[in-house]
Amino acid sequence: MNMHPVDSEEIISIGYSQSKQELHVELSTSTNAYLNVPSYIFQGLMSAASKGEYYNVYIENSFEHRQVTEA
C-alpha cells in the first residue's frame, strides 16, 4: 500500500486501499490498519485542516483495527 506523508503533529503518513476499504495510519508509535472504511472517510481525512483531530473524532474508535507490523 502506498503511504502518503502528511503535515500533522500526530500522523506521519496515510494509505488507503479502495478495493479493500482499508485505511492505514502511521503514527509515531505504531501503524494501524482500519477495516471497512468508506472512501468518504479517507477523503475527509486527507482534506481535513487538522488531520489529527479528524482521526481522533471520526476514525480512531469508530472502526475495527489491527496493528500493522512491517516486514
N, C-alpha and C. Protein backbone atom coordinates (compact mmCIF):
# COMPACT_ATOMS: atom_id res chain seq x y z
N MET A 1 0.85 -1.18 0.00
CA MET A 1 0.00 0.00 0.00
C MET A 1 0.89 1.24 0.00
N ASN A 2 0.57 2.18 -0.86
CA ASN A 2 1.32 3.43 -0.91
C ASN A 2 0.91 4.30 0.26
N MET A 3 1.91 4.73 1.02
CA MET A 3 1.67 5.62 2.15
C MET A 3 2.05 7.03 1.72
N HIS A 4 1.22 7.99 2.10
CA HIS A 4 1.43 9.38 1.71
C HIS A 4 1.76 10.21 2.95
N PRO A 5 2.94 10.82 2.98
CA PRO A 5 3.29 11.68 4.13
C PRO A 5 2.29 12.84 4.23
N VAL A 6 1.96 13.21 5.47
CA VAL A 6 1.02 14.31 5.69
C VAL A 6 1.62 15.30 6.68
N ASP A 7 1.11 16.51 6.63
CA ASP A 7 1.54 17.57 7.53
C ASP A 7 0.66 17.51 8.78
N SER A 8 1.15 16.82 9.81
CA SER A 8 0.39 16.63 11.03
C SER A 8 1.34 16.38 12.18
N GLU A 9 0.99 16.85 13.35
CA GLU A 9 1.82 16.58 14.53
C GLU A 9 1.63 15.15 15.00
N GLU A 10 0.47 14.57 14.77
CA GLU A 10 0.13 13.25 15.29
C GLU A 10 0.35 12.13 14.27
N ILE A 11 0.08 12.41 13.00
CA ILE A 11 0.10 11.39 11.95
C ILE A 11 1.29 11.62 11.03
N ILE A 12 2.03 10.55 10.75
CA ILE A 12 3.20 10.63 9.86
C ILE A 12 2.78 10.42 8.41
N SER A 13 2.00 9.35 8.17
CA SER A 13 1.57 9.07 6.79
C SER A 13 0.26 8.29 6.81
N ILE A 14 -0.40 8.31 5.64
CA ILE A 14 -1.71 7.70 5.48
C ILE A 14 -1.74 6.93 4.16
N GLY A 15 -2.33 5.74 4.18
CA GLY A 15 -2.53 4.97 2.97
C GLY A 15 -3.96 4.42 2.94
N TYR A 16 -4.49 4.20 1.74
CA TYR A 16 -5.86 3.70 1.62
C TYR A 16 -5.98 2.77 0.42
N SER A 17 -6.63 1.63 0.65
CA SER A 17 -6.98 0.70 -0.43
C SER A 17 -8.48 0.76 -0.63
N GLN A 18 -8.91 1.32 -1.75
CA GLN A 18 -10.34 1.43 -2.02
C GLN A 18 -10.96 0.05 -2.22
N SER A 19 -10.24 -0.85 -2.88
CA SER A 19 -10.81 -2.18 -3.14
C SER A 19 -11.02 -2.97 -1.85
N LYS A 20 -10.15 -2.77 -0.86
CA LYS A 20 -10.28 -3.47 0.43
C LYS A 20 -11.00 -2.61 1.48
N GLN A 21 -11.19 -1.34 1.19
CA GLN A 21 -11.72 -0.36 2.14
C GLN A 21 -10.90 -0.41 3.44
N GLU A 22 -9.59 -0.38 3.26
CA GLU A 22 -8.66 -0.47 4.39
C GLU A 22 -7.81 0.80 4.45
N LEU A 23 -7.81 1.43 5.61
CA LEU A 23 -7.08 2.66 5.85
C LEU A 23 -5.91 2.38 6.77
N HIS A 24 -4.69 2.75 6.36
CA HIS A 24 -3.52 2.61 7.21
C HIS A 24 -3.11 4.00 7.68
N VAL A 25 -2.89 4.10 8.99
CA VAL A 25 -2.48 5.36 9.59
C VAL A 25 -1.20 5.11 10.37
N GLU A 26 -0.12 5.78 9.95
CA GLU A 26 1.17 5.65 10.63
C GLU A 26 1.30 6.79 11.64
N LEU A 27 1.40 6.38 12.90
CA LEU A 27 1.63 7.33 13.99
C LEU A 27 3.08 7.21 14.42
N SER A 28 3.52 8.03 15.34
CA SER A 28 4.91 7.95 15.78
C SER A 28 5.19 6.65 16.53
N THR A 29 4.17 6.05 17.13
CA THR A 29 4.37 4.84 17.94
C THR A 29 3.97 3.54 17.24
N SER A 30 3.12 3.61 16.22
CA SER A 30 2.63 2.40 15.56
C SER A 30 1.96 2.76 14.24
N THR A 31 1.70 1.71 13.45
CA THR A 31 0.89 1.85 12.25
C THR A 31 -0.33 0.95 12.42
N ASN A 32 -1.51 1.52 12.24
CA ASN A 32 -2.74 0.77 12.42
C ASN A 32 -3.50 0.67 11.11
N ALA A 33 -4.12 -0.49 10.90
CA ALA A 33 -4.98 -0.71 9.74
C ALA A 33 -6.42 -0.70 10.21
N TYR A 34 -7.23 0.17 9.63
CA TYR A 34 -8.65 0.28 9.97
C TYR A 34 -9.45 -0.37 8.84
N LEU A 35 -10.39 -1.22 9.23
CA LEU A 35 -11.10 -2.06 8.27
C LEU A 35 -12.49 -1.51 7.96
N ASN A 36 -12.94 -1.77 6.73
CA ASN A 36 -14.28 -1.36 6.26
C ASN A 36 -14.50 0.15 6.37
N VAL A 37 -13.49 0.90 5.96
CA VAL A 37 -13.56 2.37 6.00
C VAL A 37 -14.03 2.87 4.64
N PRO A 38 -15.17 3.56 4.59
CA PRO A 38 -15.66 4.10 3.32
C PRO A 38 -14.70 5.15 2.76
N SER A 39 -14.70 5.29 1.45
CA SER A 39 -13.77 6.23 0.82
C SER A 39 -14.01 7.67 1.26
N TYR A 40 -15.26 8.03 1.61
CA TYR A 40 -15.51 9.41 2.02
C TYR A 40 -14.81 9.74 3.35
N ILE A 41 -14.58 8.74 4.19
CA ILE A 41 -13.83 8.97 5.44
C ILE A 41 -12.36 9.26 5.11
N PHE A 42 -11.79 8.47 4.20
CA PHE A 42 -10.42 8.71 3.76
C PHE A 42 -10.30 10.09 3.12
N GLN A 43 -11.23 10.44 2.25
CA GLN A 43 -11.19 11.75 1.59
C GLN A 43 -11.32 12.87 2.60
N GLY A 44 -12.18 12.68 3.60
CA GLY A 44 -12.32 13.68 4.66
C GLY A 44 -11.05 13.85 5.45
N LEU A 45 -10.39 12.74 5.75
CA LEU A 45 -9.12 12.80 6.48
C LEU A 45 -8.07 13.55 5.68
N MET A 46 -7.96 13.23 4.41
CA MET A 46 -6.93 13.86 3.58
C MET A 46 -7.18 15.35 3.38
N SER A 47 -8.44 15.78 3.41
CA SER A 47 -8.73 17.19 3.18
C SER A 47 -8.93 17.98 4.48
N ALA A 48 -8.87 17.32 5.61
CA ALA A 48 -9.10 18.00 6.90
C ALA A 48 -7.97 18.98 7.20
N ALA A 49 -8.35 20.12 7.75
CA ALA A 49 -7.35 21.11 8.17
C ALA A 49 -6.50 20.54 9.30
N SER A 50 -7.13 19.79 10.21
CA SER A 50 -6.40 19.11 11.29
C SER A 50 -6.62 17.61 11.14
N LYS A 51 -5.65 16.93 10.56
CA LYS A 51 -5.78 15.50 10.35
C LYS A 51 -5.84 14.74 11.66
N GLY A 52 -5.08 15.19 12.66
CA GLY A 52 -5.10 14.55 13.96
C GLY A 52 -6.47 14.63 14.61
N GLU A 53 -7.10 15.78 14.53
CA GLU A 53 -8.44 15.94 15.11
C GLU A 53 -9.46 15.09 14.37
N TYR A 54 -9.41 15.08 13.05
CA TYR A 54 -10.33 14.27 12.24
C TYR A 54 -10.15 12.80 12.59
N TYR A 55 -8.91 12.36 12.68
CA TYR A 55 -8.59 10.97 13.04
C TYR A 55 -9.19 10.63 14.41
N ASN A 56 -8.97 11.50 15.39
CA ASN A 56 -9.47 11.24 16.74
C ASN A 56 -10.99 11.18 16.80
N VAL A 57 -11.67 12.03 16.06
CA VAL A 57 -13.13 12.12 16.13
C VAL A 57 -13.81 11.04 15.28
N TYR A 58 -13.33 10.82 14.04
CA TYR A 58 -14.07 10.00 13.09
C TYR A 58 -13.50 8.60 12.83
N ILE A 59 -12.26 8.34 13.24
CA ILE A 59 -11.63 7.07 12.85
C ILE A 59 -11.16 6.23 14.03
N GLU A 60 -10.41 6.82 14.93
CA GLU A 60 -9.67 6.06 15.95
C GLU A 60 -10.51 5.00 16.67
N ASN A 61 -11.68 5.35 17.16
CA ASN A 61 -12.52 4.40 17.89
C ASN A 61 -13.79 4.02 17.15
N SER A 62 -13.82 4.28 15.85
CA SER A 62 -15.03 4.05 15.07
C SER A 62 -14.97 2.82 14.17
N PHE A 63 -13.78 2.30 13.93
CA PHE A 63 -13.62 1.16 13.01
C PHE A 63 -12.78 0.08 13.66
N GLU A 64 -13.10 -1.17 13.30
CA GLU A 64 -12.27 -2.29 13.74
C GLU A 64 -10.86 -2.06 13.19
N HIS A 65 -9.85 -2.35 14.01
CA HIS A 65 -8.49 -2.12 13.54
C HIS A 65 -7.53 -3.14 14.13
N ARG A 66 -6.37 -3.17 13.51
CA ARG A 66 -5.28 -4.04 13.97
C ARG A 66 -3.98 -3.28 13.77
N GLN A 67 -2.99 -3.64 14.57
CA GLN A 67 -1.67 -3.03 14.40
C GLN A 67 -0.94 -3.73 13.26
N VAL A 68 -0.28 -2.94 12.43
CA VAL A 68 0.46 -3.46 11.29
C VAL A 68 1.92 -3.59 11.69
N THR A 69 2.49 -4.75 11.42
CA THR A 69 3.91 -4.93 11.65
C THR A 69 4.60 -4.95 10.31
N GLU A 70 5.61 -4.12 10.17
CA GLU A 70 6.33 -4.01 8.91
C GLU A 70 7.30 -5.17 8.77
N ALA A 71 7.39 -5.72 7.57
CA ALA A 71 8.29 -6.85 7.30
C ALA A 71 9.67 -6.36 6.98
